[in-house]
PDB file of N, CA and C in Angstrom:
ATOM      1  N   MET A   1     -15.695  -1.411  -2.632  1.00  0.00           N
ATOM      2  CA  MET A   1     -15.351  -2.631  -1.925  1.00  0.00           C
ATOM      3  C   MET A   1     -16.075  -2.676  -0.586  1.00  0.00           C
ATOM      4  N   SER A   2     -17.367  -2.834  -0.605  1.00  0.00           N
ATOM      5  CA  SER A   2     -18.121  -2.802   0.633  1.00  0.00           C
ATOM      6  C   SER A   2     -18.238  -4.168   1.291  1.00  0.00           C
ATOM      7  N   THR A   3     -18.112  -5.236   0.515  1.00  0.00           N
ATOM      8  CA  THR A   3     -18.223  -6.569   1.107  1.00  0.00           C
ATOM      9  C   THR A   3     -16.947  -7.356   0.834  1.00  0.00           C
ATOM     10  N   PRO A   4     -16.685  -8.371   1.673  1.00  0.00           N
ATOM     11  CA  PRO A   4     -15.486  -9.183   1.464  1.00  0.00           C
ATOM     12  C   PRO A   4     -15.414  -9.814   0.079  1.00  0.00           C
ATOM     13  N   SER A   5     -16.546 -10.238  -0.478  1.00  0.00           N
ATOM     14  CA  SER A   5     -16.508 -10.850  -1.807  1.00  0.00           C
ATOM     15  C   SER A   5     -16.082  -9.831  -2.857  1.00  0.00           C
ATOM     16  N   ASN A   6     -16.573  -8.597  -2.743  1.00  0.00           N
ATOM     17  CA  ASN A   6     -16.144  -7.547  -3.666  1.00  0.00           C
ATOM     18  C   ASN A   6     -14.666  -7.266  -3.499  1.00  0.00           C
ATOM     19  N   SER A   7     -14.204  -7.289  -2.269  1.00  0.00           N
ATOM     20  CA  SER A   7     -12.804  -7.045  -1.978  1.00  0.00           C
ATOM     21  C   SER A   7     -11.943  -8.125  -2.639  1.00  0.00           C
ATOM     22  N   GLU A   8     -12.329  -9.369  -2.477  1.00  0.00           N
ATOM     23  CA  GLU A   8     -11.574 -10.470  -3.077  1.00  0.00           C
ATOM     24  C   GLU A   8     -11.605 -10.384  -4.604  1.00  0.00           C
ATOM     25  N   GLU A   9     -12.734  -9.966  -5.135  1.00  0.00           N
ATOM     26  CA  GLU A   9     -12.864  -9.785  -6.582  1.00  0.00           C
ATOM     27  C   GLU A   9     -11.867  -8.723  -7.064  1.00  0.00           C
ATOM     28  N   PHE A  10     -11.800  -7.627  -6.326  1.00  0.00           N
ATOM     29  CA  PHE A  10     -10.863  -6.545  -6.647  1.00  0.00           C
ATOM     30  C   PHE A  10      -9.425  -7.053  -6.629  1.00  0.00           C
ATOM     31  N   TYR A  11      -9.065  -7.802  -5.598  1.00  0.00           N
ATOM     32  CA  TYR A  11      -7.686  -8.299  -5.482  1.00  0.00           C
ATOM     33  C   TYR A  11      -7.354  -9.315  -6.567  1.00  0.00           C
ATOM     34  N   GLU A  12      -8.315 -10.126  -6.960  1.00  0.00           N
ATOM     35  CA  GLU A  12      -8.073 -11.084  -8.052  1.00  0.00           C
ATOM     36  C   GLU A  12      -7.823 -10.351  -9.371  1.00  0.00           C
ATOM     37  N   LYS A  13      -8.606  -9.296  -9.615  1.00  0.00           N
ATOM     38  CA  LYS A  13      -8.419  -8.496 -10.822  1.00  0.00           C
ATOM     39  C   LYS A  13      -7.046  -7.818 -10.795  1.00  0.00           C
ATOM     40  N   LEU A  14      -6.688  -7.256  -9.643  1.00  0.00           N
ATOM     41  CA  LEU A  14      -5.386  -6.609  -9.491  1.00  0.00           C
ATOM     42  C   LEU A  14      -4.260  -7.603  -9.727  1.00  0.00           C
ATOM     43  N   LYS A  15      -4.403  -8.802  -9.183  1.00  0.00           N
ATOM     44  CA  LYS A  15      -3.380  -9.837  -9.348  1.00  0.00           C
ATOM     45  C   LYS A  15      -3.146 -10.133 -10.837  1.00  0.00           C
ATOM     46  N   GLY A  16      -4.218 -10.263 -11.582  1.00  0.00           N
ATOM     47  CA  GLY A  16      -4.109 -10.507 -13.016  1.00  0.00           C
ATOM     48  C   GLY A  16      -3.408  -9.365 -13.735  1.00  0.00           C
ATOM     49  N   GLN A  17      -3.770  -8.139 -13.374  1.00  0.00           N
ATOM     50  CA  GLN A  17      -3.150  -6.965 -13.998  1.00  0.00           C
ATOM     51  C   GLN A  17      -1.662  -6.893 -13.671  1.00  0.00           C
ATOM     52  N   LEU A  18      -1.305  -7.223 -12.442  1.00  0.00           N
ATOM     53  CA  LEU A  18       0.105  -7.177 -12.043  1.00  0.00           C
ATOM     54  C   LEU A  18       0.923  -8.213 -12.814  1.00  0.00           C
ATOM     55  N   TYR A  19       0.367  -9.407 -13.006  1.00  0.00           N
ATOM     56  CA  TYR A  19       1.073 -10.434 -13.781  1.00  0.00           C
ATOM     57  C   TYR A  19       1.257  -9.998 -15.231  1.00  0.00           C
ATOM     58  N   GLU A  20       0.252  -9.295 -15.775  1.00  0.00           N
ATOM     59  CA  GLU A  20       0.306  -8.881 -17.178  1.00  0.00           C
ATOM     60  C   GLU A  20       1.253  -7.717 -17.424  1.00  0.00           C
ATOM     61  N   THR A  21       1.445  -6.864 -16.435  1.00  0.00           N
ATOM     62  CA  THR A  21       2.172  -5.614 -16.671  1.00  0.00           C
ATOM     63  C   THR A  21       3.598  -5.573 -16.145  1.00  0.00           C
ATOM     64  N   ALA A  22       4.048  -6.628 -15.490  1.00  0.00           N
ATOM     65  CA  ALA A  22       5.409  -6.589 -14.934  1.00  0.00           C
ATOM     66  C   ALA A  22       6.057  -7.963 -14.989  1.00  0.00           C
ATOM     67  N   SER A  23       7.384  -7.959 -14.998  1.00  0.00           N
ATOM     68  CA  SER A  23       8.165  -9.198 -14.879  1.00  0.00           C
ATOM     69  C   SER A  23       8.556  -9.321 -13.411  1.00  0.00           C
ATOM     70  N   TRP A  24       8.279 -10.447 -12.834  1.00  0.00           N
ATOM     71  CA  TRP A  24       8.494 -10.631 -11.384  1.00  0.00           C
ATOM     72  C   TRP A  24       9.731 -11.451 -11.111  1.00  0.00           C
ATOM     73  N   PRO A  25      10.448 -11.162 -10.041  1.00  0.00           N
ATOM     74  CA  PRO A  25      10.263 -10.088  -9.051  1.00  0.00           C
ATOM     75  C   PRO A  25      10.566  -8.721  -9.655  1.00  0.00           C
ATOM     76  N   THR A  26      10.000  -7.664  -9.024  1.00  0.00           N
ATOM     77  CA  THR A  26      10.167  -6.305  -9.541  1.00  0.00           C
ATOM     78  C   THR A  26      10.020  -5.276  -8.427  1.00  0.00           C
ATOM     79  N   GLU A  27      10.385  -4.040  -8.754  1.00  0.00           N
ATOM     80  CA  GLU A  27      10.144  -2.926  -7.836  1.00  0.00           C
ATOM     81  C   GLU A  27       8.666  -2.558  -7.951  1.00  0.00           C
ATOM     82  N   TYR A  28       8.009  -2.367  -6.809  1.00  0.00           N
ATOM     83  CA  TYR A  28       6.594  -1.992  -6.814  1.00  0.00           C
ATOM     84  C   TYR A  28       6.426  -0.722  -5.999  1.00  0.00           C
ATOM     85  N   LEU A  29       5.615   0.197  -6.512  1.00  0.00           N
ATOM     86  CA  LEU A  29       5.379   1.461  -5.828  1.00  0.00           C
ATOM     87  C   LEU A  29       3.976   1.462  -5.230  1.00  0.00           C
ATOM     88  N   TYR A  30       3.926   1.429  -3.904  1.00  0.00           N
ATOM     89  CA  TYR A  30       2.667   1.568  -3.175  1.00  0.00           C
ATOM     90  C   TYR A  30       2.429   3.053  -2.957  1.00  0.00           C
ATOM     91  N   LYS A  31       1.162   3.474  -3.035  1.00  0.00           N
ATOM     92  CA  LYS A  31       0.811   4.860  -2.726  1.00  0.00           C
ATOM     93  C   LYS A  31      -0.390   4.845  -1.787  1.00  0.00           C
ATOM     94  N   PHE A  32      -0.251   5.614  -0.723  1.00  0.00           N
ATOM     95  CA  PHE A  32      -1.309   5.696   0.277  1.00  0.00           C
ATOM     96  C   PHE A  32      -1.586   7.152   0.617  1.00  0.00           C
ATOM     97  N   ILE A  33      -2.822   7.428   1.012  1.00  0.00           N
ATOM     98  CA  ILE A  33      -3.214   8.729   1.550  1.00  0.00           C
ATOM     99  C   ILE A  33      -3.723   8.448   2.962  1.00  0.00           C
ATOM    100  N   ILE A  34      -3.271   9.270   3.901  1.00  0.00           N
ATOM    101  CA  ILE A  34      -3.662   9.078   5.293  1.00  0.00           C
ATOM    102  C   ILE A  34      -3.756  10.439   5.970  1.00  0.00           C
ATOM    103  N   LYS A  35      -4.632  10.555   6.972  1.00  0.00           N
ATOM    104  CA  LYS A  35      -4.691  11.802   7.728  1.00  0.00           C
ATOM    105  C   LYS A  35      -3.323  12.057   8.335  1.00  0.00           C
ATOM    106  N   SER A  36      -2.968  13.323   8.429  1.00  0.00           N
ATOM    107  CA  SER A  36      -1.650  13.701   8.960  1.00  0.00           C
ATOM    108  C   SER A  36      -1.618  13.497  10.475  1.00  0.00           C
ATOM    109  N   ASP A  37      -1.608  12.244  10.865  1.00  0.00           N
ATOM    110  CA  ASP A  37      -1.554  11.831  12.264  1.00  0.00           C
ATOM    111  C   ASP A  37      -0.239  11.070  12.445  1.00  0.00           C
ATOM    112  N   ILE A  38       0.632  11.591  13.273  1.00  0.00           N
ATOM    113  CA  ILE A  38       1.975  11.016  13.439  1.00  0.00           C
ATOM    114  C   ILE A  38       1.917   9.527  13.790  1.00  0.00           C
ATOM    115  N   GLU A  39       0.993   9.132  14.650  1.00  0.00           N
ATOM    116  CA  GLU A  39       0.884   7.729  15.054  1.00  0.00           C
ATOM    117  C   GLU A  39       0.474   6.829  13.894  1.00  0.00           C
ATOM    118  N   LYS A  40      -0.504   7.277  13.106  1.00  0.00           N
ATOM    119  CA  LYS A  40      -0.956   6.469  11.965  1.00  0.00           C
ATOM    120  C   LYS A  40       0.135   6.345  10.907  1.00  0.00           C
ATOM    121  N   ILE A  41       0.835   7.438  10.658  1.00  0.00           N
ATOM    122  CA  ILE A  41       1.915   7.411   9.672  1.00  0.00           C
ATOM    123  C   ILE A  41       3.033   6.480  10.152  1.00  0.00           C
ATOM    124  N   ALA A  42       3.349   6.554  11.434  1.00  0.00           N
ATOM    125  CA  ALA A  42       4.388   5.675  12.001  1.00  0.00           C
ATOM    126  C   ALA A  42       3.971   4.214  11.902  1.00  0.00           C
ATOM    127  N   LYS A  43       2.689   3.937  12.120  1.00  0.00           N
ATOM    128  CA  LYS A  43       2.173   2.565  12.028  1.00  0.00           C
ATOM    129  C   LYS A  43       2.316   2.046  10.591  1.00  0.00           C
ATOM    130  N   LEU A  44       1.991   2.915   9.634  1.00  0.00           N
ATOM    131  CA  LEU A  44       2.109   2.550   8.221  1.00  0.00           C
ATOM    132  C   LEU A  44       3.570   2.285   7.861  1.00  0.00           C
ATOM    133  N   GLU A  45       4.462   3.174   8.277  1.00  0.00           N
ATOM    134  CA  GLU A  45       5.887   3.003   7.981  1.00  0.00           C
ATOM    135  C   GLU A  45       6.437   1.732   8.618  1.00  0.00           C
ATOM    136  N   ALA A  46       5.980   1.412   9.815  1.00  0.00           N
ATOM    137  CA  ALA A  46       6.463   0.232  10.537  1.00  0.00           C
ATOM    138  C   ALA A  46       6.175  -1.064   9.770  1.00  0.00           C
ATOM    139  N   LEU A  47       5.097  -1.075   8.996  1.00  0.00           N
ATOM    140  CA  LEU A  47       4.750  -2.281   8.225  1.00  0.00           C
ATOM    141  C   LEU A  47       5.749  -2.554   7.108  1.00  0.00           C
ATOM    142  N   PHE A  48       6.535  -1.540   6.746  1.00  0.00           N
ATOM    143  CA  PHE A  48       7.515  -1.697   5.674  1.00  0.00           C
ATOM    144  C   PHE A  48       8.952  -1.655   6.186  1.00  0.00           C
ATOM    145  N   ASN A  49       9.127  -1.485   7.502  1.00  0.00           N
ATOM    146  CA  ASN A  49      10.468  -1.448   8.088  1.00  0.00           C
ATOM    147  C   ASN A  49      11.189  -2.770   7.864  1.00  0.00           C
ATOM    148  N   ASN A  50      12.491  -2.707   7.747  1.00  0.00           N
ATOM    149  CA  ASN A  50      13.350  -3.882   7.590  1.00  0.00           C
ATOM    150  C   ASN A  50      13.068  -4.685   6.324  1.00  0.00           C
ATOM    151  N   LEU A  51      12.427  -4.053   5.340  1.00  0.00           N
ATOM    152  CA  LEU A  51      12.167  -4.732   4.070  1.00  0.00           C
ATOM    153  C   LEU A  51      12.936  -4.086   2.925  1.00  0.00           C
ATOM    154  N   GLY A  52      13.731  -3.078   3.240  1.00  0.00           N
ATOM    155  CA  GLY A  52      14.487  -2.373   2.211  1.00  0.00           C
ATOM    156  C   GLY A  52      13.660  -1.366   1.444  1.00  0.00           C
ATOM    157  N   ALA A  53      12.560  -0.912   2.029  1.00  0.00           N
ATOM    158  CA  ALA A  53      11.665   0.031   1.358  1.00  0.00           C
ATOM    159  C   ALA A  53      12.214   1.449   1.384  1.00  0.00           C
ATOM    160  N   VAL A  54      11.928   2.169   0.306  1.00  0.00           N
ATOM    161  CA  VAL A  54      12.221   3.601   0.250  1.00  0.00           C
ATOM    162  C   VAL A  54      10.876   4.297   0.429  1.00  0.00           C
ATOM    163  N   ILE A  55      10.754   5.079   1.505  1.00  0.00           N
ATOM    164  CA  ILE A  55       9.484   5.714   1.853  1.00  0.00           C
ATOM    165  C   ILE A  55       9.609   7.229   1.714  1.00  0.00           C
ATOM    166  N   ASN A  56       8.667   7.815   0.974  1.00  0.00           N
ATOM    167  CA  ASN A  56       8.600   9.271   0.810  1.00  0.00           C
ATOM    168  C   ASN A  56       7.235   9.755   1.282  1.00  0.00           C
ATOM    169  N   LYS A  57       7.241  10.863   2.023  1.00  0.00           N
ATOM    170  CA  LYS A  57       5.995  11.434   2.530  1.00  0.00           C
ATOM    171  C   LYS A  57       5.869  12.864   2.043  1.00  0.00           C
ATOM    172  N   THR A  58       4.643  13.234   1.659  1.00  0.00           N
ATOM    173  CA  THR A  58       4.353  14.596   1.239  1.00  0.00           C
ATOM    174  C   THR A  58       3.050  15.026   1.891  1.00  0.00           C
ATOM    175  N   GLU A  59       3.110  16.113   2.630  1.00  0.00           N
ATOM    176  CA  GLU A  59       1.917  16.628   3.297  1.00  0.00           C
ATOM    177  C   GLU A  59       1.100  17.452   2.300  1.00  0.00           C
ATOM    178  N   SER A  60      -0.231  17.401   2.436  1.00  0.00           N
ATOM    179  CA  SER A  60      -1.091  18.194   1.562  1.00  0.00           C
ATOM    180  C   SER A  60      -0.914  19.680   1.850  1.00  0.00           C
ATOM    181  N   LYS A  61      -1.414  20.482   0.957  1.00  0.00           N
ATOM    182  CA  LYS A  61      -1.256  21.935   1.063  1.00  0.00           C
ATOM    183  C   LYS A  61      -1.763  22.476   2.399  1.00  0.00           C
ATOM    184  N   ASN A  62      -2.902  21.966   2.848  1.00  0.00           N
ATOM    185  CA  ASN A  62      -3.469  22.449   4.111  1.00  0.00           C
ATOM    186  C   ASN A  62      -2.987  21.638   5.322  1.00  0.00           C
ATOM    187  N   GLY A  63      -2.171  20.616   5.080  1.00  0.00           N
ATOM    188  CA  GLY A  63      -1.602  19.831   6.175  1.00  0.00           C
ATOM    189  C   GLY A  63      -2.530  18.795   6.776  1.00  0.00           C
ATOM    190  N   LYS A  64      -3.703  18.623   6.190  1.00  0.00           N
ATOM    191  CA  LYS A  64      -4.684  17.688   6.749  1.00  0.00           C
ATOM    192  C   LYS A  64      -4.372  16.229   6.402  1.00  0.00           C
ATOM    193  N   TYR A  65      -3.788  16.005   5.235  1.00  0.00           N
ATOM    194  CA  TYR A  65      -3.486  14.653   4.776  1.00  0.00           C
ATOM    195  C   TYR A  65      -2.014  14.532   4.394  1.00  0.00           C
ATOM    196  N   THR A  66      -1.538  13.290   4.410  1.00  0.00           N
ATOM    197  CA  THR A  66      -0.172  13.000   3.989  1.00  0.00           C
ATOM    198  C   THR A  66      -0.209  11.883   2.961  1.00  0.00           C
ATOM    199  N   SER A  67       0.527  12.090   1.878  1.00  0.00           N
ATOM    200  CA  SER A  67       0.707  11.069   0.850  1.00  0.00           C
ATOM    201  C   SER A  67       1.968  10.291   1.217  1.00  0.00           C
ATOM    202  N   VAL A  68       1.860   8.967   1.241  1.00  0.00           N
ATOM    203  CA  VAL A  68       3.002   8.125   1.560  1.00  0.00           C
ATOM    204  C   VAL A  68       3.257   7.199   0.373  1.00  0.00           C
ATOM    205  N   SER A  69       4.449   7.314  -0.212  1.00  0.00           N
ATOM    206  CA  SER A  69       4.851   6.445  -1.324  1.00  0.00           C
ATOM    207  C   SER A  69       5.910   5.487  -0.807  1.00  0.00           C
ATOM    208  N   VAL A  70       5.727   4.212  -1.122  1.00  0.00           N
ATOM    209  CA  VAL A  70       6.651   3.180  -0.654  1.00  0.00           C
ATOM    210  C   VAL A  70       7.127   2.380  -1.855  1.00  0.00           C
ATOM    211  N   ASN A  71       8.421   2.458  -2.136  1.00  0.00           N
ATOM    212  CA  ASN A  71       9.007   1.701  -3.238  1.00  0.00           C
ATOM    213  C   ASN A  71       9.708   0.491  -2.636  1.00  0.00           C
ATOM    214  N   LEU A  72       9.328  -0.683  -3.104  1.00  0.00           N
ATOM    215  CA  LEU A  72       9.789  -1.910  -2.468  1.00  0.00           C
ATOM    216  C   LEU A  72       9.951  -3.025  -3.499  1.00  0.00           C
ATOM    217  N   HIS A  73      11.007  -3.808  -3.358  1.00  0.00           N
ATOM    218  CA  HIS A  73      11.230  -4.966  -4.230  1.00  0.00           C
ATOM    219  C   HIS A  73      10.293  -6.091  -3.776  1.00  0.00           C
ATOM    220  N   MET A  74       9.400  -6.513  -4.681  1.00  0.00           N
ATOM    221  CA  MET A  74       8.420  -7.553  -4.341  1.00  0.00           C
ATOM    222  C   MET A  74       8.639  -8.780  -5.223  1.00  0.00           C
ATOM    223  N   ARG A  75       8.412  -9.952  -4.651  1.00  0.00           N
ATOM    224  CA  ARG A  75       8.706 -11.195  -5.373  1.00  0.00           C
ATOM    225  C   ARG A  75       7.615 -11.601  -6.364  1.00  0.00           C
ATOM    226  N   ASN A  76       6.346 -11.258  -6.062  1.00  0.00           N
ATOM    227  CA  ASN A  76       5.253 -11.619  -6.968  1.00  0.00           C
ATOM    228  C   ASN A  76       3.977 -10.843  -6.607  1.00  0.00           C
ATOM    229  N   PRO A  77       2.955 -10.887  -7.477  1.00  0.00           N
ATOM    230  CA  PRO A  77       1.707 -10.173  -7.193  1.00  0.00           C
ATOM    231  C   PRO A  77       1.030 -10.608  -5.886  1.00  0.00           C
ATOM    232  N   ASP A  78       1.159 -11.864  -5.504  1.00  0.00           N
ATOM    233  CA  ASP A  78       0.558 -12.320  -4.239  1.00  0.00           C
ATOM    234  C   ASP A  78       1.154 -11.571  -3.051  1.00  0.00           C
ATOM    235  N   ALA A  79       2.459 -11.334  -3.084  1.00  0.00           N
ATOM    236  CA  ALA A  79       3.125 -10.596  -2.010  1.00  0.00           C
ATOM    237  C   ALA A  79       2.654  -9.148  -1.968  1.00  0.00           C
ATOM    238  N   VAL A  80       2.425  -8.551  -3.146  1.00  0.00           N
ATOM    239  CA  VAL A  80       1.923  -7.179  -3.228  1.00  0.00           C
ATOM    240  C   VAL A  80       0.549  -7.096  -2.569  1.00  0.00           C
ATOM    241  N   ILE A  81      -0.330  -8.004  -2.930  1.00  0.00           N
ATOM    242  CA  ILE A  81      -1.693  -8.012  -2.408  1.00  0.00           C
ATOM    243  C   ILE A  81      -1.703  -8.303  -0.909  1.00  0.00           C
ATOM    244  N   GLU A  82      -0.871  -9.209  -0.481  1.00  0.00           N
ATOM    245  CA  GLU A  82      -0.762  -9.527   0.952  1.00  0.00           C
ATOM    246  C   GLU A  82      -0.415  -8.269   1.757  1.00  0.00           C
ATOM    247  N   LYS A  83       0.487  -7.458   1.234  1.00  0.00           N
ATOM    248  CA  LYS A  83       0.898  -6.230   1.923  1.00  0.00           C
ATOM    249  C   LYS A  83      -0.242  -5.216   1.938  1.00  0.00           C
ATOM    250  N   TYR A  84      -0.975  -5.084   0.817  1.00  0.00           N
ATOM    251  CA  TYR A  84      -2.142  -4.194   0.797  1.00  0.00           C
ATOM    252  C   TYR A  84      -3.149  -4.598   1.868  1.00  0.00           C
ATOM    253  N   LYS A  85      -3.411  -5.889   1.983  1.00  0.00           N
ATOM    254  CA  LYS A  85      -4.370  -6.379   2.977  1.00  0.00           C
ATOM    255  C   LYS A  85      -3.879  -6.110   4.392  1.00  0.00           C
ATOM    256  N   GLU A  86      -2.590  -6.290   4.631  1.00  0.00           N
ATOM    257  CA  GLU A  86      -2.017  -6.034   5.949  1.00  0.00           C
ATOM    258  C   GLU A  86      -2.169  -4.559   6.322  1.00  0.00           C
ATOM    259  N   VAL A  87      -1.897  -3.678   5.384  1.00  0.00           N
ATOM    260  CA  VAL A  87      -2.028  -2.241   5.638  1.00  0.00           C
ATOM    261  C   VAL A  87      -3.484  -1.895   5.952  1.00  0.00           C
ATOM    262  N   ALA A  88      -4.415  -2.398   5.144  1.00  0.00           N
ATOM    263  CA  ALA A  88      -5.829  -2.114   5.355  1.00  0.00           C
ATOM    264  C   ALA A  88      -6.309  -2.614   6.723  1.00  0.00           C
ATOM    265  N   GLU A  89      -5.782  -3.745   7.148  1.00  0.00           N
ATOM    266  CA  GLU A  89      -6.184  -4.337   8.423  1.00  0.00           C
ATOM    267  C   GLU A  89      -5.593  -3.603   9.620  1.00  0.00           C
ATOM    268  N   LYS A  90      -4.378  -3.108   9.492  1.00  0.00           N
ATOM    269  CA  LYS A  90      -3.656  -2.575  10.655  1.00  0.00           C
ATOM    270  C   LYS A  90      -3.620  -1.051  10.770  1.00  0.00           C
ATOM    271  N   VAL A  91      -3.939  -0.333   9.681  1.00  0.00           N
ATOM    272  CA  VAL A  91      -3.882   1.128   9.717  1.00  0.00           C
ATOM    273  C   VAL A  91      -5.268   1.690   9.388  1.00  0.00           C
ATOM    274  N   GLU A  92      -5.917   2.214  10.391  1.00  0.00           N
ATOM    275  CA  GLU A  92      -7.273   2.734  10.233  1.00  0.00           C
ATOM    276  C   GLU A  92      -7.286   4.000   9.376  1.00  0.00           C
ATOM    277  N   GLY A  93      -8.221   4.047   8.438  1.00  0.00           N
ATOM    278  CA  GLY A  93      -8.437   5.247   7.640  1.00  0.00           C
ATOM    279  C   GLY A  93      -7.483   5.444   6.475  1.00  0.00           C
ATOM    280  N   VAL A  94      -6.655   4.470   6.185  1.00  0.00           N
ATOM    281  CA  VAL A  94      -5.708   4.610   5.073  1.00  0.00           C
ATOM    282  C   VAL A  94      -6.438   4.377   3.751  1.00  0.00           C
ATOM    283  N   ILE A  95      -6.070   5.156   2.744  1.00  0.00           N
ATOM    284  CA  ILE A  95      -6.610   4.989   1.401  1.00  0.00           C
ATOM    285  C   ILE A  95      -5.467   4.492   0.511  1.00  0.00           C
ATOM    286  N   SER A  96      -5.676   3.359  -0.124  1.00  0.00           N
ATOM    287  CA  SER A  96      -4.665   2.800  -1.029  1.00  0.00           C
ATOM    288  C   SER A  96      -4.981   3.264  -2.438  1.00  0.00           C
ATOM    289  N   LEU A  97      -3.960   3.736  -3.117  1.00  0.00           N
ATOM    290  CA  LEU A  97      -4.154   4.198  -4.502  1.00  0.00           C
ATOM    291  C   LEU A  97      -3.567   3.200  -5.478  1.00  0.00           C
TER     292      LEU A  97
END
């Protein structure tokens, strides 16, 4: 996803897959990898605060990275994609899985 058009293409494909594989609204599991930086992790968690999300964090074996799983009730694929875009825009260096 090096250019905005590729990014939009990716999100359109994801949107189609989400509509095909789930009945909406549904529980959605976001997974992110981020450097084990307390500020970055807090920033990521803050984006899901007050939404009823269940957040689990697991540090890598060497402690360099942290896996963050966020389980959240989402109303539709557009809302899922909107949240992915918000995370990418506001949290530097995050990898979405």
